[in-house]
Protein backbone atom coordinates (compact mmCIF):
# COMPACT_ATOMS: atom_id res chain seq x y z
CA MET A 1 264.40 138.32 1.28
CA GLN A 2 263.15 136.26 4.23
CA GLU A 3 262.28 139.48 6.04
CA LYS A 4 260.03 140.56 3.17
CA ARG A 5 258.19 137.21 3.23
CA ARG A 6 257.69 137.51 6.98
CA TYR A 7 256.31 141.04 6.55
CA PHE A 8 253.78 139.92 3.90
CA PHE A 9 252.79 136.88 5.97
CA LEU A 10 252.11 139.08 9.00
CA LEU A 11 250.13 141.46 6.80
CA TRP A 12 248.15 138.48 5.48
CA CYS A 13 247.49 137.26 9.05
CA ALA A 14 246.26 140.70 10.12
CA SER A 15 243.99 140.91 7.09
CA VAL A 16 242.52 137.43 7.74
CA LEU A 17 241.90 138.36 11.36
CA GLY A 18 240.08 141.46 10.14
CA VAL A 19 237.85 139.43 7.81
CA LEU A 20 237.13 136.84 10.51
CA THR A 21 236.36 139.59 13.02
CA PHE A 22 233.86 141.07 10.56
CA ILE A 23 232.24 137.67 9.92
CA PHE A 24 232.03 136.65 13.57
CA ALA A 25 230.91 140.11 14.73
CA ASN A 26 227.94 139.79 12.36
CA SER A 27 227.19 136.36 13.81
CA LEU A 28 227.22 137.74 17.34
CA ARG A 29 224.47 140.26 16.53
CA SER A 30 221.04 139.56 17.91
CA ALA A 31 218.35 138.42 15.49
CA ALA A 32 216.70 141.86 15.64
CA ALA A 33 219.95 143.75 15.00
CA SER A 34 220.94 141.41 12.18
CA GLY A 35 217.51 141.70 10.56
CA GLU A 36 217.57 145.48 10.87
CA GLN A 37 221.02 145.69 9.29
CA SER A 38 220.11 143.43 6.37
CA ALA A 39 216.84 145.32 5.82
CA GLU A 40 218.84 148.54 5.61
CA VAL A 41 221.24 147.02 3.07
CA PHE A 42 218.31 145.58 1.13
CA GLY A 43 216.66 149.02 0.97
CA ILE A 44 219.84 150.58 -0.42
CA LEU A 45 220.35 147.82 -2.98
CA LYS A 46 216.69 147.90 -4.02
CA THR A 47 217.05 151.62 -4.74
CA ILE A 48 220.26 151.18 -6.73
CA LEU A 49 219.24 147.97 -8.51
CA PHE A 50 215.63 148.92 -9.21
CA PHE A 51 215.81 147.18 -12.61
CA PHE A 52 216.22 143.77 -10.89
CA PRO A 53 212.64 142.98 -9.80
CA PHE A 54 213.64 139.53 -8.53
CA LEU A 55 215.89 141.00 -5.83
CA THR A 56 214.47 139.95 -2.46
CA HIS A 57 215.56 140.31 1.14
CA GLY A 58 216.41 136.59 1.21
CA ILE A 59 218.61 136.87 -1.88
CA VAL A 60 220.47 139.84 -0.37
CA ARG A 61 221.12 137.86 2.83
CA LEU A 62 222.28 134.86 0.80
CA LEU A 63 224.65 137.01 -1.28
CA ALA A 64 225.96 138.72 1.86
CA HIS A 65 226.83 135.33 3.38
CA ALA A 66 228.54 134.21 0.18
CA ALA A 67 230.40 137.51 -0.27
CA GLU A 68 231.94 137.65 3.19
CA PHE A 69 233.16 134.08 2.86
CA ALA A 70 234.37 134.68 -0.71
CA LEU A 71 236.61 137.38 0.74
CA LEU A 72 237.92 134.88 3.28
CA GLY A 73 238.45 132.33 0.50
CA ALA A 74 240.41 134.87 -1.51
CA HIS A 75 242.71 135.35 1.47
CA PHE A 76 243.20 131.61 1.99
CA ALA A 77 243.93 131.10 -1.72
CA LEU A 78 247.03 133.25 -1.19
CA LEU A 79 248.27 131.17 1.75
CA PRO A 80 250.28 128.64 -0.34
CA ARG A 81 252.36 131.53 -1.70
CA PHE A 82 254.00 131.74 1.72
CA PHE A 83 254.75 128.01 1.73
CA ALA A 84 255.89 127.47 -1.85
CA ASP A 85 258.60 125.09 -0.61
CA LYS A 86 255.99 122.70 0.87
CA PRO A 87 254.38 119.79 -1.04
CA ARG A 88 251.37 120.68 -3.20
CA ALA A 89 249.08 118.43 -1.11
CA LEU A 90 249.97 120.36 2.04
CA GLN A 91 249.34 123.65 0.26
CA THR A 92 245.91 122.36 -0.80
CA LEU A 93 245.20 121.32 2.79
CA PHE A 94 246.06 124.85 3.95
CA VAL A 95 243.50 126.29 1.54
CA LEU A 96 240.79 123.75 2.39
CA SER A 97 241.32 124.31 6.12
CA GLY A 98 239.38 127.55 5.73
CA LEU A 99 236.21 125.52 5.18
CA ILE A 100 236.00 125.06 8.95
CA PHE A 101 234.95 128.69 9.42
CA PRO A 102 231.38 128.35 8.05
CA PHE A 103 230.77 125.69 10.72
CA ILE A 104 232.24 127.92 13.44
CA ASP A 105 230.17 130.85 12.19
CA GLU A 106 226.92 128.90 12.38
CA GLY A 107 227.96 127.40 15.72
CA ILE A 108 228.26 130.92 17.13
CA GLN A 109 224.76 131.77 15.90
CA PHE A 110 223.37 128.69 17.63
CA PHE A 111 224.09 130.33 21.00
CA ILE A 112 222.70 133.79 20.12
CA PRO A 113 219.11 134.37 21.30
CA GLY A 114 216.68 134.50 18.39
CA ARG A 115 219.17 133.02 15.93
CA ASP A 116 219.83 129.48 14.89
CA ALA A 117 222.43 127.43 13.06
CA SER A 118 221.46 126.60 9.52
CA LEU A 119 222.94 123.93 7.28
CA ALA A 120 221.83 126.01 4.28
CA ASP A 121 223.96 128.90 5.58
CA VAL A 122 226.93 126.57 6.10
CA LEU A 123 226.57 125.44 2.48
CA THR A 124 226.16 129.01 1.22
CA ASP A 125 229.21 130.14 3.19
CA GLY A 126 231.23 127.15 1.96
CA VAL A 127 230.29 127.78 -1.67
CA GLY A 128 231.16 131.47 -1.23
CA TYR A 129 234.52 130.48 0.27
CA LEU A 130 235.30 128.11 -2.62
CA LEU A 131 234.24 130.72 -5.20
CA GLY A 132 236.60 133.21 -3.55
CA VAL A 133 239.42 130.65 -3.73
CA ALA A 134 238.64 129.80 -7.37
CA PHE A 135 238.39 133.44 -8.47
CA THR A 136 241.65 134.35 -6.76
CA LEU A 137 243.48 131.38 -8.24
CA LEU A 138 242.08 132.20 -11.69
CA VAL A 139 243.26 135.80 -11.46
CA ALA A 140 246.66 134.68 -10.14
CA THR A 141 247.01 132.20 -13.01
CA LEU A 142 246.17 134.85 -15.59
CA ILE A 143 248.66 137.26 -14.04
CA LEU A 144 251.37 134.60 -13.96
CA ARG A 145 250.75 133.70 -17.60
CA LYS A 146 251.13 137.32 -18.51
CA LYS A 147 254.36 137.46 -16.48
CA GLY A 148 255.46 134.31 -18.24
CA GLY A 149 256.17 131.91 -15.42
CA ARG A 150 255.37 130.19 -12.18
CA TYR A 151 255.14 132.18 -9.01
CA ALA A 152 258.53 132.28 -7.38
CA GLN A 153 259.38 132.76 -3.72
CA LYS A 154 261.59 135.65 -4.73
CA ASP A 155 258.42 137.53 -5.74
CA LEU A 156 257.26 137.70 -2.12
């Protein structure tokens, strides 16, 4: 059983590294490359979502920030499952530790020519992260209710 937990934990670590690589790779892009990429995404979304006239380039960038960190938050919401034997406060600390990444992300951008660190982006990223955590915990709670019990270590 311990071997199965270790396997899933390593899989989780690899997945988190993938998400962080994606986030930080976007932060390392020059201002021109980042703007070009978001303009391309905006053009695609504008074509698909033509019935949303309020969709702007700024909104798409804001949602992109929130979405990538929501994915990270979803990953971190699963972290306590690997440490079910630890106190609840420590599990909560594990989840909240992921809030450091919006600051790191903006810190990276501070050193990229043409880009700057933005407190608004830190807040957007943090809210996205917390929404990802909340959504994942909500889904997990609904699944557990349907299963009829608390998540057990034996399920890992």
